[in-house]
N, C-alpha and C. Protein backbone atom coordinates (compact mmCIF):
# COMPACT_ATOMS: atom_id res chain seq x y z
N MET A 1 123.49 8.59 -85.14
CA MET A 1 122.81 7.45 -84.55
C MET A 1 122.20 8.13 -83.39
N SER A 2 121.04 8.08 -83.02
CA SER A 2 120.49 8.53 -81.87
C SER A 2 120.50 7.59 -80.54
N ASN A 3 120.79 8.30 -79.52
CA ASN A 3 120.84 7.38 -78.26
C ASN A 3 119.29 7.31 -77.63
N GLU A 4 119.09 6.20 -77.10
CA GLU A 4 117.84 6.14 -76.70
C GLU A 4 117.36 7.08 -75.63
N CYS A 5 118.31 7.60 -74.91
CA CYS A 5 117.95 8.67 -73.97
C CYS A 5 117.54 9.93 -74.48
N ASP A 6 117.70 10.25 -75.62
CA ASP A 6 117.28 11.43 -76.17
C ASP A 6 116.01 11.36 -76.74
N ARG A 7 115.26 10.25 -76.89
CA ARG A 7 114.05 10.22 -77.16
C ARG A 7 113.00 10.01 -76.12
N SER A 8 113.63 9.78 -74.78
CA SER A 8 112.67 9.20 -73.89
C SER A 8 112.07 10.51 -73.26
N PRO A 9 111.04 10.62 -72.83
CA PRO A 9 110.32 11.74 -72.08
C PRO A 9 110.76 11.87 -70.66
N THR A 10 111.28 10.79 -70.25
CA THR A 10 111.78 10.74 -68.86
C THR A 10 113.25 11.01 -68.69
N TYR A 11 113.93 11.47 -69.76
CA TYR A 11 115.27 11.84 -69.72
C TYR A 11 115.47 13.22 -70.06
N LEU A 12 116.06 14.05 -69.26
CA LEU A 12 116.13 15.47 -69.58
C LEU A 12 117.76 15.85 -69.36
N SER A 13 118.27 16.63 -70.33
CA SER A 13 119.62 16.80 -70.32
C SER A 13 119.71 18.26 -70.37
N TYR A 14 120.52 18.97 -69.46
CA TYR A 14 120.88 20.49 -69.65
C TYR A 14 122.13 20.63 -68.94
N MET A 15 122.82 21.60 -69.55
CA MET A 15 124.27 22.14 -69.21
C MET A 15 124.15 23.10 -68.03
N LEU A 16 124.60 22.73 -66.71
CA LEU A 16 124.38 23.63 -65.58
C LEU A 16 125.91 24.50 -65.60
N ARG A 17 125.74 25.69 -65.31
CA ARG A 17 126.68 26.59 -65.16
C ARG A 17 126.52 27.38 -63.76
N LEU A 18 127.49 27.26 -62.85
CA LEU A 18 127.55 28.12 -61.57
C LEU A 18 128.59 29.10 -61.61
N TRP A 19 128.28 30.25 -60.78
CA TRP A 19 129.43 31.30 -60.89
C TRP A 19 128.89 32.24 -59.65
N GLN A 20 129.94 32.49 -58.90
CA GLN A 20 129.78 33.63 -57.71
C GLN A 20 129.90 35.11 -58.26
N ALA A 21 128.91 35.95 -57.85
CA ALA A 21 128.71 37.23 -58.25
C ALA A 21 128.40 38.06 -56.71
N GLY A 22 128.95 39.26 -56.76
CA GLY A 22 128.58 40.14 -55.65
C GLY A 22 127.26 40.60 -55.66
N SER A 23 126.86 41.04 -54.75
CA SER A 23 125.52 41.65 -54.41
C SER A 23 125.79 43.02 -53.84
N ARG A 24 124.49 43.65 -53.71
CA ARG A 24 124.78 45.17 -53.15
C ARG A 24 125.33 45.21 -51.55
N ASP A 25 125.09 44.20 -50.97
CA ASP A 25 125.59 44.10 -49.56
C ASP A 25 127.12 43.85 -49.62
N GLY A 26 127.68 43.53 -50.62
CA GLY A 26 129.02 43.01 -50.65
C GLY A 26 129.25 41.67 -50.57
N LYS A 27 128.23 40.77 -50.25
CA LYS A 27 128.52 39.39 -49.97
C LYS A 27 128.30 38.56 -51.28
N SER A 28 129.19 37.80 -51.57
CA SER A 28 129.12 36.95 -52.78
C SER A 28 127.82 36.03 -52.79
N VAL A 29 127.18 35.88 -53.90
CA VAL A 29 126.23 35.00 -54.00
C VAL A 29 126.33 34.03 -55.18
N TRP A 30 125.72 32.85 -55.20
CA TRP A 30 125.78 32.11 -56.14
C TRP A 30 124.66 32.31 -57.25
N ARG A 31 125.17 32.34 -58.67
CA ARG A 31 124.21 32.39 -59.62
C ARG A 31 124.32 31.25 -60.52
N ALA A 32 123.19 30.86 -61.24
CA ALA A 32 123.15 29.69 -62.06
C ALA A 32 122.70 29.85 -63.28
N SER A 33 122.85 29.13 -64.33
CA SER A 33 122.16 29.09 -65.65
C SER A 33 122.18 27.51 -66.07
N LEU A 34 120.90 27.42 -66.98
CA LEU A 34 120.61 26.11 -67.56
C LEU A 34 120.59 26.31 -68.98
N GLU A 35 121.37 25.27 -69.53
CA GLU A 35 121.26 25.55 -71.17
C GLU A 35 120.88 24.14 -71.72
N ASN A 36 119.83 24.21 -72.69
CA ASN A 36 119.41 22.94 -73.17
C ASN A 36 120.35 22.83 -74.40
N PRO A 37 121.27 21.71 -74.23
CA PRO A 37 122.31 21.41 -75.14
C PRO A 37 121.88 20.96 -76.63
N HIS A 38 120.66 20.73 -76.82
CA HIS A 38 120.09 20.52 -78.06
C HIS A 38 119.62 21.71 -79.00
N SER A 39 119.03 22.70 -78.17
CA SER A 39 118.29 23.67 -78.80
C SER A 39 119.15 25.00 -78.62
N GLY A 40 120.07 25.26 -77.45
CA GLY A 40 120.82 26.43 -77.00
C GLY A 40 119.85 27.32 -76.29
N GLU A 41 118.72 27.08 -76.00
CA GLU A 41 117.87 27.87 -75.15
C GLU A 41 118.56 27.78 -73.66
N ARG A 42 118.71 29.13 -73.08
CA ARG A 42 119.21 29.28 -71.68
C ARG A 42 118.38 29.86 -70.78
N VAL A 43 118.29 29.58 -69.60
CA VAL A 43 117.57 30.41 -68.53
C VAL A 43 118.79 30.43 -67.35
N ALA A 44 118.74 31.66 -66.82
CA ALA A 44 119.61 32.15 -65.58
C ALA A 44 118.83 32.03 -64.39
N PHE A 45 119.41 31.97 -63.26
CA PHE A 45 118.76 32.16 -61.82
C PHE A 45 119.57 32.98 -61.00
N GLY A 46 118.87 33.71 -60.26
CA GLY A 46 119.53 34.58 -59.19
C GLY A 46 120.14 34.08 -57.90
N ASP A 47 119.56 32.80 -57.67
CA ASP A 47 120.00 32.09 -56.61
C ASP A 47 119.77 30.56 -56.61
N ALA A 48 120.28 29.89 -55.72
CA ALA A 48 120.21 28.28 -55.71
C ALA A 48 118.77 28.16 -55.44
N LYS A 49 118.19 28.91 -54.64
CA LYS A 49 116.63 28.52 -54.37
C LYS A 49 115.82 28.50 -55.68
N ASP A 50 115.84 29.42 -56.48
CA ASP A 50 115.24 29.52 -57.71
C ASP A 50 115.60 28.42 -58.64
N LEU A 51 116.81 28.22 -58.65
CA LEU A 51 117.40 26.97 -59.58
C LEU A 51 116.71 25.77 -59.07
N PHE A 52 116.44 25.39 -57.81
CA PHE A 52 116.04 24.13 -57.37
C PHE A 52 114.58 24.07 -57.43
N ALA A 53 113.78 25.34 -57.36
CA ALA A 53 112.48 25.43 -57.57
C ALA A 53 112.02 25.01 -59.01
N PHE A 54 112.87 25.56 -59.83
CA PHE A 54 112.77 25.38 -61.40
C PHE A 54 112.96 23.65 -61.64
N LEU A 55 114.05 23.23 -61.18
CA LEU A 55 114.30 21.78 -61.36
C LEU A 55 113.10 20.90 -60.89
N ALA A 56 112.50 21.20 -59.51
CA ALA A 56 111.74 20.47 -58.96
C ALA A 56 110.33 20.52 -59.83
N ASP A 57 109.98 21.89 -60.46
CA ASP A 57 108.96 21.89 -61.22
C ASP A 57 109.11 21.00 -62.82
N LEU A 58 110.37 21.09 -63.04
CA LEU A 58 110.73 20.31 -64.26
C LEU A 58 110.43 18.87 -64.03
N MET A 59 110.95 18.31 -62.89
CA MET A 59 110.76 16.89 -62.78
C MET A 59 109.39 16.58 -62.39
N ALA A 60 108.42 17.50 -61.88
CA ALA A 60 107.20 17.24 -61.82
C ALA A 60 106.45 16.97 -63.05
N ASP A 61 106.62 17.80 -64.10
CA ASP A 61 105.91 17.67 -65.29
C ASP A 61 107.01 18.15 -66.36
N PRO A 62 107.73 17.14 -67.04
CA PRO A 62 108.86 17.43 -67.74
C PRO A 62 108.31 17.88 -69.11
N ASP A 63 107.31 17.42 -69.55
CA ASP A 63 106.58 17.90 -70.93
C ASP A 63 106.33 19.38 -70.98
N ASP A 64 105.66 19.64 -69.88
CA ASP A 64 105.24 21.23 -69.66
C ASP A 64 106.42 22.05 -69.53
N MET A 65 107.28 21.59 -68.69
CA MET A 65 108.41 22.40 -68.47
C MET A 65 109.22 22.50 -69.51
N SER A 66 109.53 21.74 -70.42
CA SER A 66 110.45 21.55 -71.38
C SER A 66 109.93 22.44 -72.45
N ALA A 67 108.45 22.39 -72.51
CA ALA A 67 107.88 23.34 -73.61
C ALA A 67 108.05 24.82 -73.19
N ARG A 68 107.86 24.90 -71.87
CA ARG A 68 108.01 26.54 -71.50
C ARG A 68 109.46 26.87 -71.62
N PHE A 69 110.33 25.98 -71.19
CA PHE A 69 111.79 26.39 -71.27
C PHE A 69 112.07 26.74 -72.69
N ALA A 70 111.50 25.97 -73.84
CA ALA A 70 111.94 26.21 -75.06
C ALA A 70 111.40 27.39 -75.71
N GLN A 71 110.22 27.91 -75.16
CA GLN A 71 109.42 29.13 -75.54
C GLN A 71 109.96 30.33 -75.02
N SER A 72 110.71 30.32 -73.82
CA SER A 72 111.33 31.38 -73.22
C SER A 72 112.42 32.16 -73.64
N GLU A 73 112.47 33.50 -73.55
CA GLU A 73 113.80 34.03 -73.89
C GLU A 73 114.80 33.84 -72.99
N PRO A 74 116.08 33.92 -73.10
CA PRO A 74 117.14 33.83 -72.08
C PRO A 74 116.52 34.74 -71.03
N ALA A 75 116.48 34.38 -69.63
CA ALA A 75 115.93 35.28 -68.76
C ALA A 75 116.47 34.97 -67.43
N ILE A 76 116.46 36.01 -66.63
CA ILE A 76 116.85 35.69 -65.08
C ILE A 76 115.57 35.42 -64.28
N ILE A 77 115.74 34.41 -63.47
CA ILE A 77 114.54 34.04 -62.59
C ILE A 77 115.23 34.41 -61.30
N GLY A 78 114.19 35.17 -60.57
CA GLY A 78 114.72 35.34 -58.99
C GLY A 78 115.19 36.66 -58.94
N ALA A 79 116.19 36.87 -58.30
CA ALA A 79 116.68 38.15 -57.76
C ALA A 79 116.73 39.12 -58.83
N ALA A 80 116.25 40.37 -58.47
CA ALA A 80 115.83 41.38 -59.60
C ALA A 80 117.19 41.91 -60.01
N ASN A 81 118.28 42.04 -58.98
CA ASN A 81 119.58 42.50 -59.41
C ASN A 81 120.59 41.45 -59.57
N SER A 82 120.19 40.33 -60.34
CA SER A 82 121.22 39.32 -60.48
C SER A 82 122.26 39.75 -61.48
N SER A 83 123.61 39.72 -61.20
CA SER A 83 124.70 39.77 -62.09
C SER A 83 125.01 38.87 -62.72
N THR A 84 125.11 38.86 -64.11
CA THR A 84 125.52 37.53 -65.02
C THR A 84 127.05 37.61 -65.32
N SER A 85 127.73 38.62 -64.70
CA SER A 85 129.19 38.79 -64.88
C SER A 85 129.86 37.50 -64.48
N GLY A 86 130.81 37.00 -65.17
CA GLY A 86 131.47 35.94 -64.89
C GLY A 86 131.03 34.56 -65.43
N GLU A 87 129.83 34.59 -66.19
CA GLU A 87 129.35 33.52 -66.62
C GLU A 87 130.16 33.15 -68.02
N ASP A 88 130.52 31.95 -68.14
CA ASP A 88 131.34 31.42 -69.38
C ASP A 88 132.64 32.15 -69.30
C-alpha cells in the first residue's frame, strides 16, 4: 500500500548522515550525505554550507533537483579534500 506522501511532488524524503572528520589544519569539520531511500542514490557534502545550499535549491525546484539527484553518481559537493571516513 502506497502512502499519499510518496506520490506528492511537494513531499521529499532523504536519509541524512552527519559525521566529523579531520581537515588539513587539524580542526574537525562536519561532513554530510543525503541518500534517497527509494533509489539508494547518495550525494556527499564537504561542509554544512554546501548541504544547506543543496537543500535550498531542492526546495526551490523539487522536480528539477530530484531529477539531477537521481542522475548523479555519488559525489562530494564542496571541499575538494573532504574525507568520507566515518560515514556509516
